N, C-alpha and C. Protein backbone atom coordinates (compact mmCIF):
# COMPACT_ATOMS: atom_id res chain seq x y z
N MET A 1 -40.61 20.41 19.39
CA MET A 1 -41.85 21.15 19.33
C MET A 1 -42.79 20.45 18.36
N GLU A 2 -43.99 20.16 18.81
CA GLU A 2 -44.97 19.54 17.94
C GLU A 2 -45.59 20.59 17.04
N ASN A 3 -46.00 20.16 15.87
CA ASN A 3 -46.72 21.01 14.92
C ASN A 3 -45.95 22.28 14.56
N LEU A 4 -44.63 22.24 14.57
CA LEU A 4 -43.84 23.42 14.23
C LEU A 4 -44.01 23.73 12.76
N ILE A 5 -44.49 24.91 12.47
CA ILE A 5 -44.69 25.35 11.10
C ILE A 5 -43.50 26.23 10.73
N LEU A 6 -42.74 25.80 9.77
CA LEU A 6 -41.58 26.56 9.35
C LEU A 6 -41.97 27.60 8.31
N ALA A 7 -41.12 28.59 8.13
CA ALA A 7 -41.37 29.65 7.15
C ALA A 7 -41.10 29.09 5.75
N GLN A 8 -42.04 28.33 5.24
CA GLN A 8 -41.87 27.72 3.94
C GLN A 8 -43.11 27.97 3.09
N GLU A 9 -42.93 27.96 1.79
CA GLU A 9 -44.06 28.11 0.89
C GLU A 9 -45.02 26.96 1.09
N GLY A 10 -46.30 27.24 1.04
CA GLY A 10 -47.30 26.19 1.13
C GLY A 10 -47.56 25.67 2.54
N ALA A 11 -46.99 26.29 3.57
CA ALA A 11 -47.25 25.86 4.94
C ALA A 11 -48.70 26.11 5.30
N THR A 12 -49.26 25.24 6.13
CA THR A 12 -50.67 25.37 6.53
C THR A 12 -50.81 25.24 8.04
N PHE A 13 -51.94 25.74 8.53
CA PHE A 13 -52.36 25.54 9.91
C PHE A 13 -53.63 24.70 9.86
N ASP A 14 -53.88 23.92 10.88
CA ASP A 14 -55.12 23.16 10.98
C ASP A 14 -55.68 23.32 12.39
N PHE A 15 -56.38 24.41 12.61
CA PHE A 15 -56.94 24.68 13.93
C PHE A 15 -58.20 23.87 14.20
N GLU A 16 -58.71 23.16 13.21
CA GLU A 16 -59.82 22.24 13.45
C GLU A 16 -59.32 21.00 14.19
N GLN A 17 -58.13 20.53 13.84
CA GLN A 17 -57.53 19.35 14.49
C GLN A 17 -56.69 19.73 15.71
N ASN A 18 -56.02 20.88 15.66
CA ASN A 18 -55.12 21.33 16.72
C ASN A 18 -55.63 22.65 17.27
N THR A 19 -55.87 22.73 18.55
CA THR A 19 -56.29 24.01 19.12
C THR A 19 -55.11 24.96 19.27
N VAL A 20 -53.89 24.40 19.18
CA VAL A 20 -52.67 25.21 19.29
C VAL A 20 -51.75 24.85 18.12
N GLU A 21 -51.20 25.86 17.48
CA GLU A 21 -50.20 25.67 16.41
C GLU A 21 -48.94 26.43 16.79
N THR A 22 -47.81 25.77 16.68
CA THR A 22 -46.52 26.36 16.99
C THR A 22 -45.86 26.80 15.69
N MET A 23 -45.13 27.92 15.74
CA MET A 23 -44.55 28.47 14.51
C MET A 23 -43.29 29.27 14.79
N THR A 24 -42.62 29.65 13.72
CA THR A 24 -41.47 30.55 13.81
C THR A 24 -41.95 31.99 13.68
N LEU A 25 -41.08 32.93 13.99
CA LEU A 25 -41.41 34.34 13.83
C LEU A 25 -41.67 34.67 12.37
N GLU A 26 -40.90 34.08 11.47
CA GLU A 26 -41.10 34.32 10.04
C GLU A 26 -42.47 33.85 9.57
N THR A 27 -42.93 32.71 10.08
CA THR A 27 -44.26 32.22 9.73
C THR A 27 -45.33 33.15 10.30
N LEU A 28 -45.15 33.60 11.53
CA LEU A 28 -46.09 34.52 12.15
C LEU A 28 -46.24 35.79 11.31
N LYS A 29 -45.14 36.29 10.76
CA LYS A 29 -45.17 37.49 9.92
C LYS A 29 -46.00 37.28 8.66
N ARG A 30 -46.09 36.05 8.19
CA ARG A 30 -46.82 35.75 6.95
C ARG A 30 -48.32 35.65 7.14
N THR A 31 -48.79 35.56 8.38
CA THR A 31 -50.23 35.44 8.61
C THR A 31 -50.91 36.74 8.23
N HIS A 32 -52.22 36.66 8.02
CA HIS A 32 -53.00 37.83 7.62
C HIS A 32 -53.00 38.85 8.75
N LYS A 33 -52.84 40.12 8.41
CA LYS A 33 -52.76 41.19 9.41
C LYS A 33 -54.15 41.53 9.93
N GLY A 34 -54.28 41.65 11.24
CA GLY A 34 -55.54 42.07 11.84
C GLY A 34 -55.60 43.59 11.88
N ASN A 35 -56.33 44.17 10.94
CA ASN A 35 -56.42 45.63 10.84
C ASN A 35 -57.81 46.12 11.22
N ASP A 36 -57.89 47.37 11.65
CA ASP A 36 -59.18 48.00 11.89
C ASP A 36 -59.73 48.54 10.58
N ILE A 37 -60.83 49.25 10.63
CA ILE A 37 -61.46 49.73 9.39
C ILE A 37 -60.63 50.78 8.65
N TYR A 38 -59.63 51.35 9.32
CA TYR A 38 -58.77 52.34 8.70
C TYR A 38 -57.46 51.74 8.18
N GLY A 39 -57.32 50.43 8.31
CA GLY A 39 -56.12 49.75 7.83
C GLY A 39 -54.96 49.74 8.83
N ASN A 40 -55.24 50.14 10.07
CA ASN A 40 -54.21 50.15 11.11
C ASN A 40 -54.29 48.88 11.94
N PRO A 41 -53.18 48.47 12.56
CA PRO A 41 -53.24 47.29 13.43
C PRO A 41 -54.28 47.47 14.53
N VAL A 42 -55.05 46.42 14.82
CA VAL A 42 -56.14 46.50 15.79
C VAL A 42 -55.66 47.00 17.15
N ARG A 43 -54.56 46.53 17.64
CA ARG A 43 -54.02 46.93 18.94
C ARG A 43 -52.96 48.03 18.80
N GLY A 44 -52.85 48.61 17.62
CA GLY A 44 -51.82 49.63 17.40
C GLY A 44 -50.48 49.04 17.02
N ILE A 45 -50.38 47.72 17.08
CA ILE A 45 -49.15 47.02 16.77
C ILE A 45 -49.52 45.58 16.41
N TYR A 46 -48.81 45.01 15.44
CA TYR A 46 -49.06 43.62 15.07
C TYR A 46 -48.38 42.68 16.06
N HIS A 47 -48.88 41.45 16.14
CA HIS A 47 -48.34 40.46 17.07
C HIS A 47 -46.85 40.24 16.88
N TYR A 48 -46.39 40.12 15.65
CA TYR A 48 -44.96 39.87 15.42
C TYR A 48 -44.11 41.08 15.79
N GLN A 49 -44.67 42.30 15.68
CA GLN A 49 -43.93 43.50 16.05
C GLN A 49 -43.70 43.58 17.57
N VAL A 50 -44.64 43.07 18.34
CA VAL A 50 -44.46 43.02 19.79
C VAL A 50 -43.23 42.19 20.13
N ILE A 51 -43.15 41.01 19.50
CA ILE A 51 -42.02 40.11 19.75
C ILE A 51 -40.72 40.75 19.27
N GLU A 52 -40.76 41.37 18.09
CA GLU A 52 -39.55 42.03 17.56
C GLU A 52 -39.10 43.17 18.46
N ARG A 53 -40.03 43.94 19.00
CA ARG A 53 -39.65 45.06 19.87
C ARG A 53 -39.04 44.59 21.18
N LEU A 54 -39.59 43.51 21.73
CA LEU A 54 -39.00 42.97 22.96
C LEU A 54 -37.60 42.42 22.68
N ALA A 55 -37.42 41.75 21.55
CA ALA A 55 -36.10 41.26 21.18
C ALA A 55 -35.13 42.43 20.98
N GLU A 56 -35.63 43.50 20.39
CA GLU A 56 -34.80 44.70 20.19
C GLU A 56 -34.38 45.30 21.54
N LEU A 57 -35.30 45.34 22.49
CA LEU A 57 -34.96 45.84 23.83
C LEU A 57 -33.86 44.98 24.46
N CYS A 58 -33.97 43.67 24.29
CA CYS A 58 -32.94 42.77 24.82
C CYS A 58 -31.60 43.04 24.16
N ARG A 59 -31.60 43.20 22.83
CA ARG A 59 -30.36 43.50 22.09
C ARG A 59 -29.77 44.83 22.54
N ASN A 60 -30.60 45.85 22.67
CA ASN A 60 -30.13 47.18 23.06
C ASN A 60 -29.50 47.19 24.45
N HIS A 61 -29.90 46.25 25.29
CA HIS A 61 -29.33 46.15 26.64
C HIS A 61 -28.29 45.04 26.74
N ASN A 62 -27.81 44.60 25.57
CA ASN A 62 -26.75 43.59 25.48
C ASN A 62 -27.06 42.32 26.28
N LEU A 63 -28.32 41.90 26.22
CA LEU A 63 -28.72 40.68 26.91
C LEU A 63 -28.58 39.49 25.97
N ASN A 64 -28.18 38.38 26.53
CA ASN A 64 -28.14 37.12 25.79
C ASN A 64 -29.54 36.52 25.93
N TYR A 65 -30.31 36.49 24.86
CA TYR A 65 -31.71 36.08 24.92
C TYR A 65 -32.03 35.11 23.79
N GLU A 66 -33.15 34.45 23.95
CA GLU A 66 -33.64 33.54 22.91
C GLU A 66 -35.17 33.62 22.88
N VAL A 67 -35.72 33.91 21.69
CA VAL A 67 -37.16 33.84 21.52
C VAL A 67 -37.49 32.36 21.42
N GLU A 68 -38.26 31.89 22.37
CA GLU A 68 -38.56 30.47 22.41
C GLU A 68 -39.82 30.19 21.60
N GLU A 69 -40.57 29.21 21.99
CA GLU A 69 -41.76 28.77 21.28
C GLU A 69 -42.75 29.91 21.06
N ILE A 70 -43.21 30.06 19.84
CA ILE A 70 -44.28 30.99 19.51
C ILE A 70 -45.47 30.13 19.11
N PHE A 71 -46.62 30.40 19.70
CA PHE A 71 -47.78 29.61 19.32
C PHE A 71 -49.04 30.45 19.33
N ALA A 72 -50.00 30.01 18.52
CA ALA A 72 -51.32 30.63 18.45
C ALA A 72 -52.33 29.62 18.95
N ALA A 73 -53.39 30.11 19.56
CA ALA A 73 -54.40 29.23 20.13
C ALA A 73 -55.79 29.63 19.66
N GLN A 74 -56.58 28.63 19.34
CA GLN A 74 -57.98 28.83 18.98
C GLN A 74 -58.79 28.62 20.25
N ASN A 75 -59.57 29.61 20.63
CA ASN A 75 -60.34 29.51 21.86
C ASN A 75 -61.79 29.13 21.64
N ARG A 76 -62.21 28.99 20.41
CA ARG A 76 -63.57 28.57 20.05
C ARG A 76 -64.64 29.55 20.55
N ASN A 77 -64.28 30.78 20.82
CA ASN A 77 -65.23 31.81 21.20
C ASN A 77 -65.87 32.35 19.92
N LYS A 78 -67.17 32.22 19.79
CA LYS A 78 -67.85 32.66 18.56
C LYS A 78 -67.86 34.17 18.41
N ASN A 79 -67.86 34.91 19.53
CA ASN A 79 -67.87 36.37 19.46
C ASN A 79 -66.49 36.95 19.17
N GLN A 80 -65.46 36.36 19.76
CA GLN A 80 -64.09 36.82 19.56
C GLN A 80 -63.17 35.61 19.39
N PRO A 81 -63.23 34.96 18.23
CA PRO A 81 -62.40 33.77 18.04
C PRO A 81 -60.91 34.10 18.05
N GLY A 82 -60.13 33.16 18.55
CA GLY A 82 -58.69 33.33 18.60
C GLY A 82 -58.05 33.24 17.22
N VAL A 83 -58.70 32.52 16.32
CA VAL A 83 -58.21 32.35 14.96
C VAL A 83 -59.38 32.50 13.99
N VAL A 84 -59.14 33.23 12.92
CA VAL A 84 -60.14 33.36 11.87
C VAL A 84 -59.48 32.95 10.56
N LEU A 85 -60.16 32.09 9.82
CA LEU A 85 -59.69 31.64 8.51
C LEU A 85 -60.48 32.39 7.45
N LEU A 86 -59.77 33.09 6.56
CA LEU A 86 -60.42 33.91 5.53
C LEU A 86 -60.53 33.14 4.22
N PRO A 87 -61.76 32.74 3.82
CA PRO A 87 -61.95 31.95 2.61
C PRO A 87 -61.44 32.64 1.33
N GLN A 88 -61.59 33.96 1.24
CA GLN A 88 -61.13 34.68 0.05
C GLN A 88 -59.61 34.64 -0.09
N VAL A 89 -58.88 34.59 1.03
CA VAL A 89 -57.43 34.50 0.99
C VAL A 89 -57.01 33.04 0.74
N GLU A 90 -57.81 32.10 1.26
CA GLU A 90 -57.56 30.67 0.99
C GLU A 90 -57.60 30.39 -0.51
N GLU A 91 -58.51 31.05 -1.22
CA GLU A 91 -58.60 30.86 -2.68
C GLU A 91 -57.30 31.23 -3.36
N GLN A 92 -56.63 32.24 -2.85
CA GLN A 92 -55.38 32.71 -3.45
C GLN A 92 -54.18 31.85 -3.04
N PHE A 93 -54.09 31.46 -1.75
CA PHE A 93 -52.90 30.78 -1.24
C PHE A 93 -53.07 29.28 -1.03
N GLY A 94 -54.29 28.81 -1.05
CA GLY A 94 -54.55 27.38 -0.85
C GLY A 94 -55.27 27.12 0.46
N GLN A 95 -55.85 25.92 0.54
CA GLN A 95 -56.62 25.52 1.71
C GLN A 95 -55.77 25.53 2.98
N LYS A 96 -56.29 26.22 3.99
CA LYS A 96 -55.66 26.33 5.32
C LYS A 96 -54.26 26.96 5.28
N ALA A 97 -53.98 27.75 4.27
CA ALA A 97 -52.68 28.41 4.14
C ALA A 97 -52.43 29.34 5.32
N VAL A 98 -51.18 29.42 5.73
CA VAL A 98 -50.78 30.31 6.82
C VAL A 98 -51.26 31.73 6.54
N GLU A 99 -51.13 32.18 5.31
CA GLU A 99 -51.48 33.56 4.93
C GLU A 99 -52.97 33.86 5.08
N ALA A 100 -53.81 32.83 5.15
CA ALA A 100 -55.26 33.01 5.23
C ALA A 100 -55.76 33.08 6.67
N HIS A 101 -54.87 33.03 7.62
CA HIS A 101 -55.26 33.03 9.03
C HIS A 101 -55.01 34.38 9.69
N VAL A 102 -56.02 34.87 10.41
CA VAL A 102 -55.86 36.02 11.30
C VAL A 102 -55.70 35.41 12.70
N LEU A 103 -54.56 35.65 13.32
CA LEU A 103 -54.27 35.09 14.64
C LEU A 103 -54.46 36.16 15.70
N ARG A 104 -55.43 35.95 16.56
CA ARG A 104 -55.75 36.93 17.60
C ARG A 104 -55.28 36.51 18.98
N ARG A 105 -54.76 35.28 19.10
CA ARG A 105 -54.26 34.79 20.40
C ARG A 105 -52.88 34.19 20.16
N VAL A 106 -51.86 35.01 20.34
CA VAL A 106 -50.47 34.59 20.10
C VAL A 106 -49.70 34.72 21.42
N PHE A 107 -48.91 33.70 21.71
CA PHE A 107 -48.15 33.65 22.96
C PHE A 107 -46.72 33.25 22.66
N THR A 108 -45.80 33.77 23.45
CA THR A 108 -44.40 33.34 23.33
C THR A 108 -43.68 33.63 24.63
N THR A 109 -42.48 33.11 24.72
CA THR A 109 -41.60 33.44 25.82
C THR A 109 -40.25 33.84 25.24
N ILE A 110 -39.59 34.73 25.94
CA ILE A 110 -38.23 35.13 25.60
C ILE A 110 -37.39 34.84 26.83
N CYS A 111 -36.48 33.90 26.68
CA CYS A 111 -35.62 33.50 27.79
C CYS A 111 -34.37 34.37 27.78
N ILE A 112 -34.09 35.00 28.90
CA ILE A 112 -32.89 35.82 29.05
C ILE A 112 -31.84 34.91 29.69
N ARG A 113 -30.80 34.60 28.92
CA ARG A 113 -29.80 33.61 29.34
C ARG A 113 -28.76 34.16 30.32
N ASP A 114 -28.63 35.48 30.41
CA ASP A 114 -27.70 36.06 31.37
C ASP A 114 -28.13 35.64 32.78
N TRP A 115 -27.21 35.25 33.59
CA TRP A 115 -27.44 34.86 34.98
C TRP A 115 -28.21 33.53 35.12
N GLU A 116 -28.40 32.80 34.04
CA GLU A 116 -29.15 31.54 34.10
C GLU A 116 -28.31 30.46 34.78
N THR A 117 -28.98 29.64 35.59
CA THR A 117 -28.36 28.47 36.19
C THR A 117 -29.22 27.26 35.83
N ASP A 118 -28.84 26.10 36.35
CA ASP A 118 -29.65 24.90 36.10
C ASP A 118 -31.04 25.02 36.71
N GLU A 119 -31.17 25.83 37.74
CA GLU A 119 -32.44 25.95 38.45
C GLU A 119 -33.17 27.25 38.19
N LEU A 120 -32.45 28.29 37.84
CA LEU A 120 -33.06 29.61 37.71
C LEU A 120 -32.88 30.18 36.31
N THR A 121 -33.85 30.89 35.87
CA THR A 121 -33.77 31.62 34.62
C THR A 121 -34.68 32.84 34.72
N THR A 122 -34.52 33.77 33.82
CA THR A 122 -35.42 34.91 33.73
C THR A 122 -36.11 34.83 32.38
N THR A 123 -37.41 34.93 32.41
CA THR A 123 -38.18 34.76 31.18
C THR A 123 -39.23 35.84 31.06
N LEU A 124 -39.41 36.35 29.86
CA LEU A 124 -40.51 37.24 29.53
C LEU A 124 -41.61 36.39 28.91
N ALA A 125 -42.82 36.52 29.38
CA ALA A 125 -43.97 35.86 28.75
C ALA A 125 -44.79 36.94 28.07
N VAL A 126 -45.18 36.69 26.83
CA VAL A 126 -45.92 37.67 26.06
C VAL A 126 -47.25 37.05 25.63
N ALA A 127 -48.32 37.77 25.88
CA ALA A 127 -49.65 37.34 25.45
C ALA A 127 -50.26 38.46 24.61
N TYR A 128 -50.56 38.15 23.36
CA TYR A 128 -51.21 39.09 22.44
C TYR A 128 -52.56 38.46 22.14
N HIS A 129 -53.64 39.08 22.61
CA HIS A 129 -54.95 38.46 22.43
C HIS A 129 -56.04 39.51 22.32
N GLN A 130 -57.29 39.05 22.27
CA GLN A 130 -58.42 39.94 22.03
C GLN A 130 -58.60 40.99 23.12
N ASP A 131 -58.17 40.69 24.33
CA ASP A 131 -58.35 41.62 25.43
C ASP A 131 -57.18 42.57 25.64
N GLY A 132 -56.13 42.42 24.86
CA GLY A 132 -55.00 43.33 24.99
C GLY A 132 -53.67 42.63 24.79
N ILE A 133 -52.64 43.33 25.18
CA ILE A 133 -51.27 42.82 25.09
C ILE A 133 -50.70 42.86 26.49
N GLN A 134 -50.16 41.71 26.93
CA GLN A 134 -49.60 41.66 28.26
C GLN A 134 -48.22 41.03 28.22
N CYS A 135 -47.42 41.46 29.18
CA CYS A 135 -46.07 40.92 29.30
C CYS A 135 -45.78 40.76 30.79
N ALA A 136 -45.20 39.63 31.12
CA ALA A 136 -44.78 39.39 32.50
C ALA A 136 -43.32 38.96 32.47
N ILE A 137 -42.58 39.36 33.47
CA ILE A 137 -41.19 38.93 33.57
C ILE A 137 -40.98 38.36 34.96
N GLY A 138 -40.25 37.26 35.00
CA GLY A 138 -40.05 36.67 36.30
C GLY A 138 -38.95 35.63 36.31
N PRO A 139 -38.47 35.30 37.49
CA PRO A 139 -37.43 34.28 37.66
C PRO A 139 -38.04 32.90 37.83
N CYS A 140 -37.19 31.87 37.74
CA CYS A 140 -37.54 30.49 38.09
C CYS A 140 -38.58 29.85 37.18
N VAL A 141 -38.73 30.30 35.96
CA VAL A 141 -39.71 29.72 35.07
C VAL A 141 -38.96 29.01 33.96
N LYS A 142 -39.16 27.71 33.86
CA LYS A 142 -38.45 26.92 32.88
C LYS A 142 -39.33 26.44 31.73
N LYS A 143 -40.64 26.43 31.87
CA LYS A 143 -41.51 25.90 30.82
C LYS A 143 -42.56 26.92 30.44
N VAL A 144 -42.94 26.91 29.18
CA VAL A 144 -43.94 27.84 28.66
C VAL A 144 -45.26 27.69 29.40
N THR A 145 -45.73 26.47 29.59
CA THR A 145 -47.03 26.28 30.22
C THR A 145 -47.02 26.79 31.64
N GLN A 146 -45.94 26.58 32.38
CA GLN A 146 -45.86 27.09 33.73
C GLN A 146 -45.88 28.61 33.73
N LEU A 147 -45.20 29.22 32.78
CA LEU A 147 -45.14 30.66 32.71
C LEU A 147 -46.51 31.24 32.38
N LEU A 148 -47.26 30.60 31.48
CA LEU A 148 -48.57 31.11 31.12
C LEU A 148 -49.55 30.97 32.28
N ILE A 149 -49.42 29.90 33.05
CA ILE A 149 -50.24 29.77 34.25
C ILE A 149 -49.88 30.88 35.23
N THR A 150 -48.58 31.14 35.40
CA THR A 150 -48.11 32.22 36.27
C THR A 150 -48.65 33.55 35.78
N LEU A 151 -48.63 33.77 34.45
CA LEU A 151 -49.13 35.01 33.87
C LEU A 151 -50.62 35.17 34.16
N LYS A 152 -51.41 34.12 33.97
CA LYS A 152 -52.84 34.19 34.24
C LYS A 152 -53.11 34.52 35.71
N MET A 153 -52.37 33.88 36.61
CA MET A 153 -52.54 34.14 38.03
C MET A 153 -52.11 35.57 38.35
N ALA A 154 -51.02 36.01 37.76
CA ALA A 154 -50.49 37.35 38.03
C ALA A 154 -51.46 38.42 37.58
N LEU A 155 -52.16 38.18 36.48
CA LEU A 155 -53.09 39.18 35.97
C LEU A 155 -54.27 39.39 36.91
N LYS A 156 -54.53 38.42 37.78
CA LYS A 156 -55.62 38.54 38.74
C LYS A 156 -55.17 39.20 40.04
N MET A 157 -53.85 39.34 40.21
CA MET A 157 -53.29 39.92 41.44
C MET A 157 -53.13 41.43 41.31
N LYS A 158 -52.88 42.04 42.44
CA LYS A 158 -52.51 43.44 42.43
C LYS A 158 -51.09 43.54 41.89
N PRO A 159 -50.77 44.57 41.08
CA PRO A 159 -49.42 44.69 40.54
C PRO A 159 -48.32 44.65 41.58
N SER A 160 -48.58 45.07 42.80
CA SER A 160 -47.55 45.06 43.84
C SER A 160 -47.19 43.64 44.28
N ASN A 161 -48.04 42.65 43.96
CA ASN A 161 -47.81 41.28 44.38
C ASN A 161 -46.98 40.47 43.38
N ILE A 162 -46.65 41.03 42.28
CA ILE A 162 -45.86 40.31 41.28
C ILE A 162 -44.65 41.13 40.91
N LEU A 163 -43.69 40.48 40.25
CA LEU A 163 -42.45 41.17 39.90
C LEU A 163 -42.74 42.34 38.97
N LYS A 164 -43.43 42.06 37.87
CA LYS A 164 -43.73 43.15 36.95
C LYS A 164 -44.77 42.70 35.95
N ILE A 165 -45.76 43.54 35.74
CA ILE A 165 -46.70 43.35 34.64
C ILE A 165 -46.79 44.70 33.94
N CYS A 166 -46.73 44.67 32.65
CA CYS A 166 -46.83 45.92 31.93
C CYS A 166 -47.61 45.70 30.65
N THR A 167 -48.22 46.74 30.18
CA THR A 167 -48.85 46.69 28.88
C THR A 167 -47.81 47.13 27.88
N ILE A 168 -47.46 46.26 26.98
CA ILE A 168 -46.35 46.49 26.05
C ILE A 168 -46.59 47.75 25.23
N ARG A 169 -47.79 47.95 24.79
CA ARG A 169 -48.08 49.10 23.94
C ARG A 169 -47.71 50.41 24.64
N GLU A 170 -47.99 50.48 25.94
CA GLU A 170 -47.67 51.69 26.69
C GLU A 170 -46.18 51.80 26.98
N SER A 171 -45.51 50.67 27.23
CA SER A 171 -44.11 50.73 27.61
C SER A 171 -43.16 50.81 26.43
N LEU A 172 -43.62 50.41 25.24
CA LEU A 172 -42.75 50.49 24.07
C LEU A 172 -43.09 51.73 23.33
C-alpha cells in the first residue's frame, strides 16, 4: 500500500501532493472529528465508527473477515471539500499532522473470507462522504478500485438491480 500512514506519533498527511492517503483504523481515529454545531457527529456517526460497527457485525455472525485498505480522498470541491486542514490544530500537533485533518471522504472494503476461492470473494464496500454513508456488498470483487466503480454504478441503479445497497446509519 502506498502512502500508508501508521498509527504513530508525528504522522502527517499531504493532500496537496496526494489526492488519496491510505491509513490504518487507528490513524483514522486520530483525525479531527467532524461535528455539527451541537458537538455531535455530522452524520450521526463518525467515519471510524461505521467501520467498527461493520466489523462488529461480522464478528457477531462469526465471519472470517479482514478490514482492508482504508483511504481518504480530497475532491478539491470548494463548497464541500473532502479534506479540511485546521490551522489552529496544526499549531498544536505540527504541520500537516493527522490530528489536524477533518476527513469527509473515507472509503474502505471489508473482505469476508468465508466461502472465498481464487476467483470469488464477498466484499463490503463502505463510502463515508459529504452526501451520506453508503455500503454495498457483492461477490466477485477482488480490488478496491473495482469495487468503488461497482458502488458508483450501483448507486445509479434501482435497488432491485443490485445485490444490496443500504444506508449504514439506518441499518445499524
